[in-house]
Protein backbone atom coordinates (compact mmCIF):
# COMPACT_ATOMS: atom_id res chain seq x y z
CA MET A 1 27.43 27.84 85.01
CA SER A 2 29.68 26.81 87.77
CA GLU A 3 30.96 23.52 85.84
CA VAL A 4 31.99 25.65 82.88
CA SER A 5 34.04 27.89 85.21
CA GLY A 6 35.73 24.95 86.96
CA GLU A 7 36.67 23.37 83.68
CA ILE A 8 38.00 26.53 82.19
CA PHE A 9 40.28 27.15 85.50
CA ALA A 10 41.21 23.34 85.22
CA GLN A 11 42.73 23.85 81.73
CA GLN A 12 44.42 27.12 82.60
CA ALA A 13 46.02 25.32 85.71
CA ASP A 14 46.82 22.27 83.91
CA PRO A 15 50.52 21.40 85.42
CA ILE A 16 51.33 19.26 81.92
CA LYS A 17 51.40 22.62 80.02
CA PRO A 18 54.45 24.72 81.00
CA ARG A 19 54.29 28.41 81.20
CA HIS A 20 56.37 31.36 80.96
CA ILE A 21 56.34 34.22 83.36
CA TYR A 22 57.83 37.53 81.79
CA SER A 23 59.55 40.02 84.28
CA VAL A 24 58.84 43.54 83.23
CA SER A 25 62.18 44.09 81.94
CA GLU A 26 62.13 41.18 79.70
CA LEU A 27 58.67 41.92 78.24
CA THR A 28 60.03 45.56 77.36
CA GLN A 29 63.24 44.38 76.00
CA ASP A 30 60.98 41.98 73.71
CA ILE A 31 58.67 44.85 72.95
CA LYS A 32 61.61 46.92 72.07
CA ILE A 33 63.22 44.44 69.73
CA ILE A 34 59.70 43.97 67.98
CA LEU A 35 59.52 47.76 67.28
CA GLN A 36 63.02 48.04 66.13
CA ASN A 37 62.82 45.05 63.87
CA SER A 38 59.39 46.03 62.30
CA PHE A 39 59.98 49.74 61.59
CA GLY A 40 63.61 50.17 61.31
CA GLU A 41 64.42 53.55 60.04
CA VAL A 42 61.82 55.97 59.23
CA TRP A 43 60.63 59.46 58.11
CA VAL A 44 58.18 60.83 60.06
CA GLU A 45 56.18 64.58 59.40
CA GLY A 46 54.30 66.22 62.40
CA GLU A 47 54.28 69.56 64.73
CA VAL A 48 56.79 70.01 67.35
CA SER A 49 55.06 70.18 70.69
CA ASN A 50 57.04 70.63 74.43
CA PHE A 51 60.53 71.20 73.09
CA ARG A 52 63.34 71.10 75.69
CA ALA A 53 67.03 71.34 75.53
CA HIS A 54 68.29 69.51 78.29
CA THR A 55 71.50 70.37 80.03
CA SER A 56 73.38 67.37 78.76
CA GLY A 57 72.83 68.85 75.39
CA HIS A 58 70.27 66.49 74.30
CA PHE A 59 66.64 67.64 72.82
CA TYR A 60 63.37 66.17 74.08
CA PHE A 61 60.18 66.86 72.38
CA SER A 62 57.04 65.70 70.95
CA LEU A 63 55.50 65.16 67.45
CA LYS A 64 51.92 65.51 67.00
CA ASP A 65 49.17 65.84 64.72
CA GLN A 66 45.16 65.52 64.81
CA THR A 67 45.10 62.10 66.59
CA ALA A 68 48.20 61.16 67.82
CA VAL A 69 51.38 62.26 70.16
CA LEU A 70 54.64 60.61 69.62
CA ALA A 71 57.56 61.21 72.06
CA VAL A 72 60.92 62.15 70.43
CA VAL A 73 64.48 62.39 71.45
CA MET A 74 67.59 63.96 69.36
CA PHE A 75 71.00 63.27 71.21
CA SER A 76 73.56 65.69 71.23
CA ARG A 77 76.01 64.03 68.89
CA ALA A 78 73.07 64.45 66.19
CA ASN A 79 71.75 67.95 67.03
CA LYS A 80 75.29 69.72 66.85
CA ASP A 81 75.03 70.05 63.42
CA VAL A 82 71.45 71.84 63.39
CA LYS A 83 71.59 75.05 62.28
CA PHE A 84 67.83 76.34 62.91
CA LYS A 85 66.49 77.00 65.79
CA ILE A 86 63.78 74.00 66.76
CA GLU A 87 60.42 75.83 68.61
CA ASP A 88 56.96 74.48 69.30
CA GLY A 89 54.32 74.70 66.54
CA GLN A 90 57.00 74.22 63.66
CA LYS A 91 56.30 71.50 61.14
CA VAL A 92 59.16 69.32 60.75
CA ILE A 93 60.15 66.06 59.19
CA CYS A 94 62.31 63.77 61.20
CA PHE A 95 64.40 60.49 59.97
CA GLY A 96 65.44 58.37 63.01
CA LYS A 97 64.28 55.04 64.67
CA ILE A 98 61.67 53.59 66.62
CA ASP A 99 62.66 52.40 70.16
CA ALA A 100 61.44 51.64 73.64
CA TYR A 101 62.21 53.54 77.02
CA GLY A 102 61.65 50.64 79.57
CA PRO A 103 61.78 52.78 82.63
CA ARG A 104 58.74 54.62 81.59
CA SER A 105 57.14 51.93 79.24
CA GLN A 106 57.20 54.15 76.13
CA TYR A 107 58.16 53.96 72.69
CA GLN A 108 59.68 56.97 71.13
CA LEU A 109 61.23 57.93 67.93
CA ILE A 110 65.53 58.56 68.15
CA ILE A 111 66.11 61.15 65.55
CA GLU A 112 69.31 61.44 63.61
CA ARG A 113 68.04 64.02 61.00
CA ILE A 114 65.80 67.05 61.22
CA GLU A 115 64.61 69.63 58.70
CA PRO A 116 61.98 72.09 58.69
CA LYS A 117 58.96 71.39 56.29
CA GLY A 118 58.75 73.82 53.08
CA ILE A 119 61.66 75.68 53.92
CA GLY A 120 65.51 74.36 53.79
CA GLY A 121 67.04 74.08 57.08
CA LEU A 122 69.76 76.55 56.66
CA GLN A 123 67.44 78.81 54.91
CA LEU A 124 65.37 78.91 58.16
CA ALA A 125 68.43 79.14 60.27
CA LEU A 126 69.47 82.20 58.25
CA GLU A 127 66.08 84.15 58.66
CA GLN A 128 65.87 83.50 62.30
CA LEU A 129 69.33 84.79 62.99
CA LYS A 130 68.59 88.22 60.64
CA LYS A 131 65.30 88.74 62.86
CA LYS A 132 67.53 88.44 66.27
CA LEU A 133 70.31 90.39 65.00
CA GLU A 134 68.07 93.29 63.30
CA LYS A 135 65.96 93.24 66.62
CA GLU A 136 69.29 94.02 68.83
CA GLY A 137 70.43 96.53 66.26
CA LEU A 138 73.54 95.00 64.65
CA PHE A 139 72.26 96.00 61.21
CA SER A 140 71.48 99.71 61.87
CA PRO A 141 73.52 102.31 59.89
CA ALA A 142 74.37 104.45 63.00
CA HIS A 143 76.68 101.88 63.62
CA LYS A 144 78.49 101.71 60.57
CA LYS A 145 81.79 103.13 60.65
CA SER A 146 83.50 105.47 57.81
CA MET A 147 86.05 104.20 55.37
CA PRO A 148 89.78 105.78 55.51
CA TYR A 149 90.79 107.40 52.43
CA LEU A 150 94.22 106.17 51.09
CA PRO A 151 94.90 103.80 54.22
CA GLU A 152 98.46 103.38 54.32
CA LYS A 153 97.90 99.93 56.48
CA ILE A 154 95.27 97.09 55.68
CA GLY A 155 94.29 94.00 57.36
CA VAL A 156 92.95 91.04 55.71
CA VAL A 157 91.21 87.77 57.18
CA THR A 158 90.99 84.98 54.80
CA SER A 159 92.48 81.72 53.97
CA LEU A 160 95.91 81.57 52.51
CA SER A 161 95.20 78.82 50.13
CA GLY A 162 92.27 80.34 48.64
CA ALA A 163 91.89 82.58 45.53
CA ALA A 164 90.63 85.72 47.58
CA ILE A 165 94.08 86.52 48.88
CA ARG A 166 95.80 86.58 45.50
CA ASP A 167 92.83 88.88 44.21
CA ILE A 168 93.39 91.03 47.13
CA LEU A 169 97.01 91.45 46.42
CA LYS A 170 96.87 91.91 42.89
CA VAL A 171 94.37 94.50 42.89
CA LEU A 172 96.20 96.20 45.95
CA ASP A 173 99.60 95.95 44.07
CA ARG A 174 98.27 97.40 40.72
CA ARG A 175 96.68 100.02 42.30
CA PHE A 176 99.06 101.17 45.06
CA GLY A 177 101.86 98.92 45.42
CA GLU A 178 103.34 101.06 48.61
CA VAL A 179 100.32 99.71 50.83
CA HIS A 180 101.28 97.67 54.14
CA ILE A 181 99.15 94.67 54.23
CA ILE A 182 98.80 92.51 57.47
CA ILE A 183 97.26 88.98 56.78
CA SER A 184 95.44 87.32 59.64
CA PRO A 185 94.89 83.83 58.35
CA ALA A 186 91.82 81.67 59.03
CA GLN A 187 89.87 78.88 57.84
CA VAL A 188 86.93 80.36 55.84
CA GLN A 189 84.72 76.82 55.31
CA GLY A 190 84.16 73.63 57.42
CA GLU A 191 84.59 72.74 61.04
CA GLY A 192 86.09 75.21 62.91
CA ALA A 193 86.29 78.07 60.47
CA LYS A 194 83.83 80.14 62.36
CA GLU A 195 86.33 80.01 65.31
CA GLU A 196 89.23 81.10 63.04
CA ILE A 197 87.46 83.86 61.66
CA VAL A 198 86.64 85.24 64.71
CA GLN A 199 90.13 84.76 66.49
CA ALA A 200 91.50 86.30 63.22
CA ILE A 201 89.27 89.52 63.48
CA LYS A 202 90.25 89.91 67.58
CA ASP A 203 93.93 89.26 66.60
CA LEU A 204 93.95 92.22 64.16
CA ASN A 205 92.26 94.42 66.87
CA ARG A 206 94.70 93.57 69.71
CA LEU A 207 97.38 94.31 67.49
CA ASN A 208 96.38 97.50 66.81
CA GLU A 209 95.94 98.20 70.40
CA LYS A 210 99.51 97.96 70.63
CA LEU A 211 100.87 99.89 67.73
CA PRO A 212 101.34 103.65 67.73
CA SER A 213 98.45 105.46 66.57
CA HIS A 214 100.16 106.46 63.32
CA GLN A 215 101.07 102.73 62.66
CA ARG A 216 97.72 101.12 63.30
CA ILE A 217 95.59 99.16 60.83
CA GLU A 218 92.87 101.43 59.34
CA VAL A 219 90.56 99.16 57.51
CA MET A 220 90.21 95.46 57.67
CA ILE A 221 88.82 93.17 54.31
CA VAL A 222 87.06 89.93 56.00
CA GLY A 223 86.03 87.35 53.15
CA ARG A 224 86.56 84.34 50.71
CA GLY A 225 85.82 83.62 47.00
CA GLY A 226 82.37 82.14 45.96
CA GLY A 227 80.60 79.16 46.95
CA SER A 228 77.33 77.21 47.99
CA ILE A 229 75.35 78.39 50.53
CA GLU A 230 76.72 75.48 52.61
CA ASP A 231 80.59 76.47 51.79
CA LEU A 232 80.07 80.33 52.97
CA TRP A 233 78.09 79.51 56.15
CA ALA A 234 80.77 80.42 58.22
CA PHE A 235 80.08 84.10 57.44
CA ASN A 236 76.18 83.34 58.37
CA GLU A 237 77.39 82.49 61.93
CA GLU A 238 76.12 84.61 65.14
CA VAL A 239 79.53 84.74 66.57
CA VAL A 240 81.39 85.93 63.29
CA ALA A 241 78.70 88.60 63.12
CA ARG A 242 79.01 89.89 66.62
CA ALA A 243 82.95 89.87 66.29
CA ILE A 244 82.53 91.90 62.96
CA TYR A 245 80.39 94.24 65.22
CA ASN A 246 82.58 94.41 67.91
CA SER A 247 85.74 95.47 65.74
CA LYS A 248 87.01 98.98 66.47
CA ILE A 249 88.52 98.39 62.87
CA PRO A 250 86.26 99.02 60.23
CA VAL A 251 85.57 96.05 58.45
CA ILE A 252 84.50 95.49 54.69
CA SER A 253 82.68 92.12 54.07
CA ALA A 254 83.98 90.64 51.05
CA VAL A 255 82.25 87.09 50.79
CA GLY A 256 82.43 86.21 47.05
CA HIS A 257 78.78 86.03 45.96
CA GLU A 258 77.10 88.52 43.75
CA ARG A 259 73.07 87.98 44.81
CA ASP A 260 72.88 86.67 48.33
CA TRP A 261 74.03 88.36 51.40
CA THR A 262 75.36 86.67 54.15
CA ILE A 263 75.10 88.37 57.84
CA ALA A 264 78.73 89.25 57.83
CA ASP A 265 77.60 91.45 55.17
CA LEU A 266 74.34 93.07 56.74
CA VAL A 267 76.65 93.65 59.98
CA ALA A 268 79.93 95.05 58.05
CA ASP A 269 80.67 98.50 57.62
CA VAL A 270 80.67 98.36 53.99
CA ARG A 271 80.01 95.40 51.87
CA ALA A 272 81.96 94.22 48.86
CA PRO A 273 80.41 91.42 46.17
CA THR A 274 83.76 89.97 45.74
CA PRO A 275 87.37 90.59 47.18
CA SER A 276 88.59 92.02 44.04
CA VAL A 277 85.68 94.92 44.56
CA ALA A 278 86.75 95.12 48.05
CA ALA A 279 90.38 95.86 47.11
CA GLU A 280 89.20 98.33 44.90
CA LEU A 281 86.82 100.17 47.21
CA VAL A 282 89.91 100.42 49.93
CA ILE A 283 92.45 102.00 47.34
CA PRO A 284 92.23 104.24 44.59
CA LYS A 285 94.39 104.18 41.57
CA LYS A 286 97.52 106.24 41.00
CA GLU A 287 96.17 107.46 37.87
CA ASP A 288 92.98 108.58 39.52
CA LEU A 289 94.87 110.58 42.34
CA ARG A 290 97.15 112.15 39.20
CA ASP A 291 93.88 113.12 37.32
CA LYS A 292 92.31 114.61 40.35
CA LEU A 293 95.70 116.69 41.16
CA GLU A 294 95.64 118.01 37.53
CA SER A 295 91.99 119.05 38.09
CA LEU A 296 92.55 120.87 41.13
CA THR A 297 95.41 122.91 39.49
CA GLU A 298 93.42 123.81 36.81
CA ASP A 299 90.73 124.98 39.19
CA LEU A 300 93.45 127.12 41.13
CA LYS A 301 94.48 128.59 37.44
CA ARG A 302 90.95 129.58 36.83
CA SER A 303 90.51 131.08 39.97
CA PHE A 304 93.25 133.26 40.07
CA GLN A 305 92.35 134.31 36.54
CA ASP A 306 88.96 135.35 37.54
CA LYS A 307 90.41 137.27 40.49
CA ALA A 308 92.88 139.09 38.54
CA SER A 309 89.91 140.00 35.52
CA ASP A 310 87.65 141.27 38.44
CA PHE A 311 90.61 143.05 40.00
CA GLN A 312 91.32 145.30 36.58
CA GLU A 313 87.42 145.58 36.51
CA LYS A 314 87.33 147.68 39.50
CA ILE A 315 90.46 149.55 38.41
CA ASP A 316 88.94 150.71 35.55
CA ASP A 317 85.61 151.77 37.15
CA LEU A 318 87.71 153.61 39.44
CA ALA A 319 89.54 155.54 36.71
CA TYR A 320 86.36 156.42 35.03
CA ARG A 321 84.60 157.65 37.94
CA LEU A 322 87.49 159.69 39.10
CA ILE A 323 87.67 161.46 35.23
CA LEU A 324 84.03 162.44 35.63
CA SER A 325 84.58 164.13 39.02
CA ALA A 326 87.72 165.96 38.00
CA GLY A 327 85.80 167.42 35.05
CA HIS A 328 82.94 168.50 37.02
CA ALA A 329 85.34 170.28 39.84
CA LEU A 330 87.40 171.98 37.86
CA GLU A 331 85.05 173.47 35.28
CA LEU A 332 87.67 175.48 33.42
CA ASN A 333 87.25 176.61 30.00
CA ILE A 334 89.35 174.81 27.33
CA SER A 335 92.46 177.21 27.33
CA GLN A 336 92.60 177.72 31.09
CA PHE A 337 92.26 173.59 31.10
CA ASN A 338 95.05 173.24 28.54
CA ALA A 339 97.36 176.02 30.16
CA ALA A 340 96.85 174.13 33.45
CA SER A 341 97.37 170.69 31.97
CA LYS A 342 100.84 171.44 30.75
CA LYS A 343 101.69 172.59 34.56
CA LEU A 344 99.76 169.70 36.14
CA ALA A 345 100.27 166.89 33.36
CA LEU A 346 103.40 165.02 35.78
CA LEU A 347 100.70 165.49 38.96
CA ASN A 348 97.48 164.50 37.31
CA PRO A 349 96.14 161.71 39.08
CA VAL A 350 94.79 160.01 36.05
CA VAL A 351 97.84 159.93 34.45
CA LEU A 352 99.41 158.53 37.68
CA LEU A 353 96.27 156.16 38.07
CA GLN A 354 97.06 154.76 34.63
CA GLN A 355 100.66 153.99 35.17
CA TYR A 356 99.74 152.24 38.54
CA LYS A 357 97.30 150.41 36.64
CA THR A 358 99.87 149.17 33.82
CA LYS A 359 102.07 148.11 36.80
CA ALA A 360 99.16 146.34 38.12
CA ILE A 361 98.55 144.44 35.28
CA ASP A 362 102.28 143.83 34.38
CA LEU A 363 102.24 142.50 38.39
CA ALA A 364 99.03 140.08 37.71
CA ARG A 365 100.68 138.77 34.60
CA GLN A 366 103.97 138.26 36.42
CA ILE A 367 102.08 136.51 39.34
CA TYR A 368 100.23 133.99 36.98
CA VAL A 369 103.28 133.15 35.01
CA ARG A 370 105.23 132.43 38.10
CA MET A 371 102.71 130.41 39.93
CA SER A 372 102.36 128.18 36.72
CA HIS A 373 106.09 127.78 36.84
CA PHE A 374 105.94 127.12 40.39
CA ILE A 375 103.26 124.42 40.09
CA LYS A 376 104.81 122.58 37.16
CA LEU A 377 108.26 122.75 39.07
CA LYS A 378 106.46 121.21 42.16
CA GLN A 379 104.82 118.66 39.80
CA SER A 380 108.05 117.80 38.80
CA GLU A 381 109.80 117.64 41.88
CA PHE A 382 106.86 115.43 43.45
CA THR A 383 107.08 112.93 40.55
CA LYS A 384 110.78 112.53 41.11
CA ALA A 385 110.35 112.32 44.84
CA ILE A 386 108.17 109.37 44.30
CA GLU A 387 110.32 107.74 41.93
CA LYS A 388 113.44 108.17 44.27
CA LEU A 389 111.64 106.63 47.30
CA SER A 390 110.55 104.02 45.18
CA ASN A 391 114.11 103.05 44.37
CA LEU A 392 114.98 103.58 47.77
CA SER A 393 112.61 101.34 49.22
CA PRO A 394 113.50 98.19 50.83
CA LEU A 395 110.85 96.36 49.35
CA ASN A 396 112.96 96.44 45.94
CA ILE A 397 115.56 94.28 48.21
CA LEU A 398 112.73 92.14 49.72
CA SER A 399 111.48 91.36 45.90
CA ARG A 400 114.61 89.43 45.58
CA GLY A 401 114.03 86.92 48.51
CA TYR A 402 115.54 88.77 51.46
CA THR A 403 113.52 89.24 54.52
CA ILE A 404 113.70 91.59 57.43
CA THR A 405 112.93 90.21 61.24
CA PHE A 406 111.43 92.44 64.20
CA LYS A 407 111.37 91.77 67.65
CA MET A 408 107.70 92.52 68.99
CA PRO A 409 106.06 94.58 70.42
CA GLU A 410 108.76 97.32 70.19
CA GLU A 411 109.47 96.25 66.64
CA ALA A 412 113.07 96.38 66.64
CA ILE A 413 115.20 94.99 63.88
CA ILE A 414 116.96 91.52 64.99
CA LYS A 415 120.58 91.60 63.63
CA ASP A 416 122.04 89.33 66.66
CA ALA A 417 120.32 86.17 67.66
CA LYS A 418 121.51 86.94 71.34
CA LEU A 419 118.72 89.65 71.13
CA ILE A 420 115.81 87.35 71.29
CA GLN A 421 114.93 84.43 73.90
CA THR A 422 112.74 81.63 73.39
CA GLY A 423 109.02 82.24 73.81
CA ASP A 424 109.65 85.79 71.96
CA THR A 425 107.12 86.91 69.28
CA ILE A 426 108.95 87.70 66.10
CA LYS A 427 107.46 89.41 62.86
CA THR A 428 109.13 89.02 59.43
CA LYS A 429 108.60 91.16 56.69
CA LEU A 430 108.20 89.71 53.08
CA TYR A 431 108.10 91.62 50.06
CA ARG A 432 104.10 91.02 50.36
CA GLY A 433 102.89 90.74 53.58
CA GLU A 434 104.29 89.76 57.12
CA ILE A 435 104.14 86.51 59.27
CA PHE A 436 104.22 86.72 63.06
CA SER A 437 106.09 83.56 64.67
CA GLN A 438 107.00 82.51 68.39
CA VAL A 439 110.54 81.54 68.95
CA ARG A 440 110.80 77.91 69.91
CA GLU A 441 114.74 77.71 69.87
CA VAL A 442 117.50 80.30 69.70
CA LYS A 443 121.03 78.80 68.04
């Protein structure tokens, strides 16, 4: 037995055969290369366990199944686009590369993409945010603000290059062209869209704080045209939802999609399926207002007629009662009554009452006729006044390409460049809309 052992030892210690001694780092590096070359990029399915979001922004967790556990790292550059919240117990599918972490002698999966199993990532993120905001009360009807009737000033948050703003302006101009519109432009899709929408909502609220109460924005339309769930995602962001909820100006959400609701729709005071419908909700038609005025006028006429008719019936009833009372009280024979009637004819209360009755009926008829003429006259004067105001409106001048410039916040009209300085904020009134600018140079 000792001879065999010695022979084996001699073979191992043979000085003729060279031996390579690895350092720990070298061996770990070779293992890392072997793992990377052997597997490359892989898809791995498992259950999330021990999830931890580091202060650096990196995600660390494990993927496990019934018999094994795999360490996972998702660096901040990769996880910034993850819309849903990763939680322990979720079934997920990950895409990445196998790597070895030398300091712990541990192999791990470095992932570039992660998606929930069985449901899309965006849909899961949407459901998670809905539950969170609903629990906080952001969807509660108790927090919904009422819409003003026939507002004079309307704020709009949308893209200047999209179809939504054209649709809104077209509807508002057709329904009631005299309305004042303030546009706070924002990108509504892609990187940075949520930040611009939030800022635009805040800008309109800040502007309202500086304006007198009779010049403030009364309602705000926030939205865009239709698109895919990815295109509309800015309106599913939590920061946008909270900006709408915190707005002191009533908000109509007008994201152009008929079937699905965004988070913005749920938080807003009113939801419109398209931007055009939002404009229709804000401003009634001139024709509808005219019809309502005519209807109220007819109601007034009928009410007056009913009152006059009731008054006449009461007079007839009183006259009848007076005649009966007079007959019973006198109890005169026919001859005596005829003789007395000649003397009392001029003083007979029945005769006097009939005269007063005739006068009352005539006065009621005159009042009715004059009231009808008065109402028609006022309607005609109202129509002429509207036409005259429209002809005198500065908008007719602005429609030819002219503009008016005001110094903010006092809104003083600027007639001389000496009245403004570099850094001042100015407002330029166009035929449709306004532009806020900051002065860089004065000549």
